[in-house]
Each structure stands twice: as structure tokens, then as C-alpha cells.
Amino acid sequence: MELHVNSDNSIGRSGFTLIEFCVAILIMMVGLLGLLQVVNVATDNNLGNMLRNEAVTIADNQMVMAKTSVVDTATFTALVSTAAPILVSTPVRSGSKSYSVTRTVTSVSTNSKEIVVTVSWQHKEKPFQYMISSLAVNPGS
């Protein structure tokens, strides 16, 4: 608040009125609510990225397990698709998330097979899927 002396030697006051103060508070509240919405969107995007990164890690681990199991002709021949999806549960923030993992094996030639690992999950009622593929070669050939 600022004090000044008027021409008739009276002291005048200048500053905010109650209405100006209420309008300023209202504008600040709208701005803060907008910032809160930005935080909510950023948190949701962060969780979606965490879930996708976890799916990539799961798919990579499953692929490594499938490829390292092929050590001779017998294990190469035994390499087949999974009959039912494998459920993998991982901790995420304060809870856990379930992923469905399937492995499909198809013969490309007599000495090689294609392995496709598919990881599926849901986030906010939407289905997501990540696929990785690689070739396994018969070590006995």
C-alpha cells in the first residue's frame, strides 16, 4: 500500500481493493489447476513408458532364454511354440502389473527357425503389444 499527500493536505491511500484481490486469486487458481492437469498427464505418460520398457525387458529375457536353450540338434528340434501364454508379473510403483507372453516358433529352413516373442498388457483399458523376433540356427549343422 502506498501513502501520498493530496493537494488539500489529506493523506490518500492507493492499493488493491477487495474485488481486485479476488480477481487476482481467481486467475492464480485457474493457472494452478492448469499446472495440476499438466502434472497428471506427465505422470500418466511416465507410467505408460515404464510399462513399455518393462515389456521390452520381458521380451528380451524370454528371447535370450529361448535362444540359449538351443545347444545341440535335440534342443533345436525341441524348440516349439508355447501352448498357452505365460503370465509374468512385475512390480510397478506401489503395485504390480501382469504381462502375457507367447512364443511362436516357425521353421524357416531345415537348419533355422524363427522365434517370435509377443508381450501383451493393458493400460487404462487399452491393449498394448510388443513383439521381438530372431533366428535360431541348428548348432549341429
Protein backbone atom coordinates (compact mmCIF):
# COMPACT_ATOMS: atom_id res chain seq x y z
CA MET A 1 0.00 0.00 0.00
CA GLU A 2 1.29 3.39 -0.91
CA LEU A 3 0.62 6.60 1.04
CA HIS A 4 0.74 10.05 -0.59
CA VAL A 5 -0.33 13.54 0.37
CA ASN A 6 -3.10 15.13 -1.74
CA SER A 7 -3.22 18.82 -2.70
CA ASP A 8 -5.62 19.54 0.21
CA ASN A 9 -3.07 18.06 2.69
CA SER A 10 -5.16 14.89 3.20
CA ILE A 11 -3.49 11.52 3.14
CA GLY A 12 -4.70 9.23 0.31
CA ARG A 13 -4.24 5.52 0.09
CA SER A 14 -3.73 3.50 -3.09
CA GLY A 15 -3.61 -0.30 -3.30
CA PHE A 16 -5.76 -3.33 -4.04
CA THR A 17 -9.45 -3.33 -3.44
CA LEU A 18 -11.17 -6.50 -2.28
CA ILE A 19 -12.57 -7.14 -5.76
CA GLU A 20 -9.14 -6.78 -7.37
CA PHE A 21 -7.71 -9.17 -4.81
CA CYS A 22 -10.45 -11.77 -5.51
CA VAL A 23 -9.91 -11.50 -9.27
CA ALA A 24 -6.16 -11.99 -8.78
CA ILE A 25 -6.77 -15.07 -6.62
CA LEU A 26 -9.19 -16.47 -9.22
CA ILE A 27 -6.64 -16.03 -12.01
CA MET A 28 -3.96 -17.73 -9.90
CA MET A 29 -6.30 -20.65 -9.12
CA VAL A 30 -7.05 -21.22 -12.81
CA GLY A 31 -3.32 -21.21 -13.56
CA LEU A 32 -2.57 -23.65 -10.75
CA LEU A 33 -5.34 -26.00 -11.88
CA GLY A 34 -3.82 -25.97 -15.37
CA LEU A 35 -0.43 -26.87 -13.90
CA LEU A 36 -2.04 -29.70 -11.92
CA GLN A 37 -3.50 -31.12 -15.14
CA VAL A 38 -0.05 -30.99 -16.77
CA VAL A 39 1.38 -32.98 -13.83
CA ASN A 40 -1.38 -35.60 -14.22
CA VAL A 41 -0.68 -36.00 -17.95
CA ALA A 42 3.07 -36.24 -17.36
CA THR A 43 2.59 -38.88 -14.64
CA ASP A 44 0.34 -40.96 -16.91
CA ASN A 45 2.82 -40.75 -19.81
CA ASN A 46 5.63 -41.72 -17.46
CA LEU A 47 3.72 -44.81 -16.30
CA GLY A 48 2.98 -45.80 -19.91
CA ASN A 49 6.68 -45.55 -20.75
CA MET A 50 7.61 -47.60 -17.68
CA LEU A 51 5.17 -50.34 -18.69
CA ARG A 52 6.51 -50.39 -22.26
CA ASN A 53 10.12 -50.55 -21.06
CA GLU A 54 9.23 -53.44 -18.77
CA ALA A 55 7.57 -55.26 -21.70
CA VAL A 56 10.75 -54.80 -23.77
CA THR A 57 12.83 -56.23 -20.92
CA ILE A 58 10.49 -59.22 -20.52
CA ALA A 59 10.53 -59.93 -24.27
CA ASP A 60 14.32 -59.69 -24.36
CA ASN A 61 14.68 -62.07 -21.39
CA GLN A 62 12.29 -64.59 -22.97
CA MET A 63 14.18 -64.42 -26.27
CA VAL A 64 17.52 -64.94 -24.54
CA MET A 65 16.13 -67.95 -22.66
CA ALA A 66 14.76 -69.46 -25.89
CA LYS A 67 17.97 -68.93 -27.86
CA THR A 68 20.34 -70.09 -25.12
CA SER A 69 18.32 -73.29 -24.68
CA VAL A 70 19.42 -74.38 -28.18
CA VAL A 71 22.73 -76.15 -27.54
CA ASP A 72 22.53 -79.18 -29.84
CA THR A 73 20.34 -80.74 -32.53
CA ALA A 74 18.00 -82.31 -29.97
CA THR A 75 17.24 -79.00 -28.25
CA PHE A 76 16.91 -77.31 -31.64
CA THR A 77 14.30 -79.88 -32.66
CA ALA A 78 12.52 -79.50 -29.29
CA LEU A 79 12.22 -75.72 -29.72
CA VAL A 80 8.47 -75.21 -30.25
CA SER A 81 5.78 -72.57 -29.70
CA THR A 82 4.27 -72.16 -26.26
CA ALA A 83 0.88 -73.84 -25.97
CA ALA A 84 -0.57 -71.22 -23.63
CA PRO A 85 0.52 -67.68 -22.77
CA ILE A 86 2.91 -67.31 -19.86
CA LEU A 87 1.85 -64.73 -17.26
CA VAL A 88 4.68 -62.58 -15.92
CA SER A 89 4.00 -60.22 -13.03
CA THR A 90 6.40 -57.37 -12.25
CA PRO A 91 6.36 -54.67 -9.58
CA VAL A 92 5.36 -51.24 -10.85
CA ARG A 93 5.33 -48.28 -8.48
CA SER A 94 3.21 -49.33 -5.49
CA GLY A 95 1.58 -52.35 -7.17
CA SER A 96 2.24 -54.97 -9.79
CA LYS A 97 1.48 -55.40 -13.47
CA SER A 98 0.75 -58.63 -15.34
CA TYR A 99 2.08 -59.29 -18.82
CA SER A 100 1.04 -62.12 -21.13
CA VAL A 101 3.96 -63.68 -23.03
CA THR A 102 3.64 -66.00 -26.03
CA ARG A 103 6.40 -67.62 -28.05
CA THR A 104 5.84 -68.68 -31.65
CA VAL A 105 8.40 -70.84 -33.41
CA THR A 106 8.24 -71.43 -37.17
CA SER A 107 10.68 -73.34 -39.36
CA VAL A 108 12.40 -71.17 -41.92
CA SER A 109 14.58 -73.94 -43.31
CA THR A 110 15.83 -77.33 -42.16
CA ASN A 111 18.59 -75.66 -40.15
CA SER A 112 16.90 -72.49 -38.87
CA LYS A 113 13.78 -71.45 -37.01
CA GLU A 114 12.23 -68.05 -36.43
CA ILE A 115 11.34 -67.26 -32.82
CA VAL A 116 8.75 -64.53 -32.19
CA VAL A 117 8.12 -63.42 -28.61
CA THR A 118 4.98 -61.33 -28.08
CA VAL A 119 4.32 -59.47 -24.83
CA SER A 120 0.81 -58.11 -24.24
CA TRP A 121 -0.52 -55.88 -21.47
CA GLN A 122 -3.30 -53.41 -20.75
CA HIS A 123 -3.07 -49.84 -19.53
CA LYS A 124 -6.19 -47.78 -18.89
CA GLU A 125 -8.44 -50.35 -20.60
CA LYS A 126 -6.34 -50.21 -23.80
CA PRO A 127 -4.43 -53.25 -25.08
CA PHE A 128 -0.74 -52.90 -25.94
CA GLN A 129 1.65 -55.36 -27.55
CA TYR A 130 5.39 -55.62 -28.14
CA MET A 131 6.95 -58.19 -30.48
CA ILE A 132 10.54 -59.27 -30.96
CA SER A 133 11.84 -61.87 -33.43
CA SER A 134 15.10 -63.64 -34.06
CA LEU A 135 16.51 -66.69 -35.84
CA ALA A 136 17.85 -69.79 -34.13
CA VAL A 137 20.26 -71.94 -36.11
CA ASN A 138 20.80 -75.65 -35.55
CA PRO A 139 24.23 -75.86 -33.87
CA GLY A 140 24.68 -79.42 -35.12
CA SER A 141 24.57 -78.50 -38.78
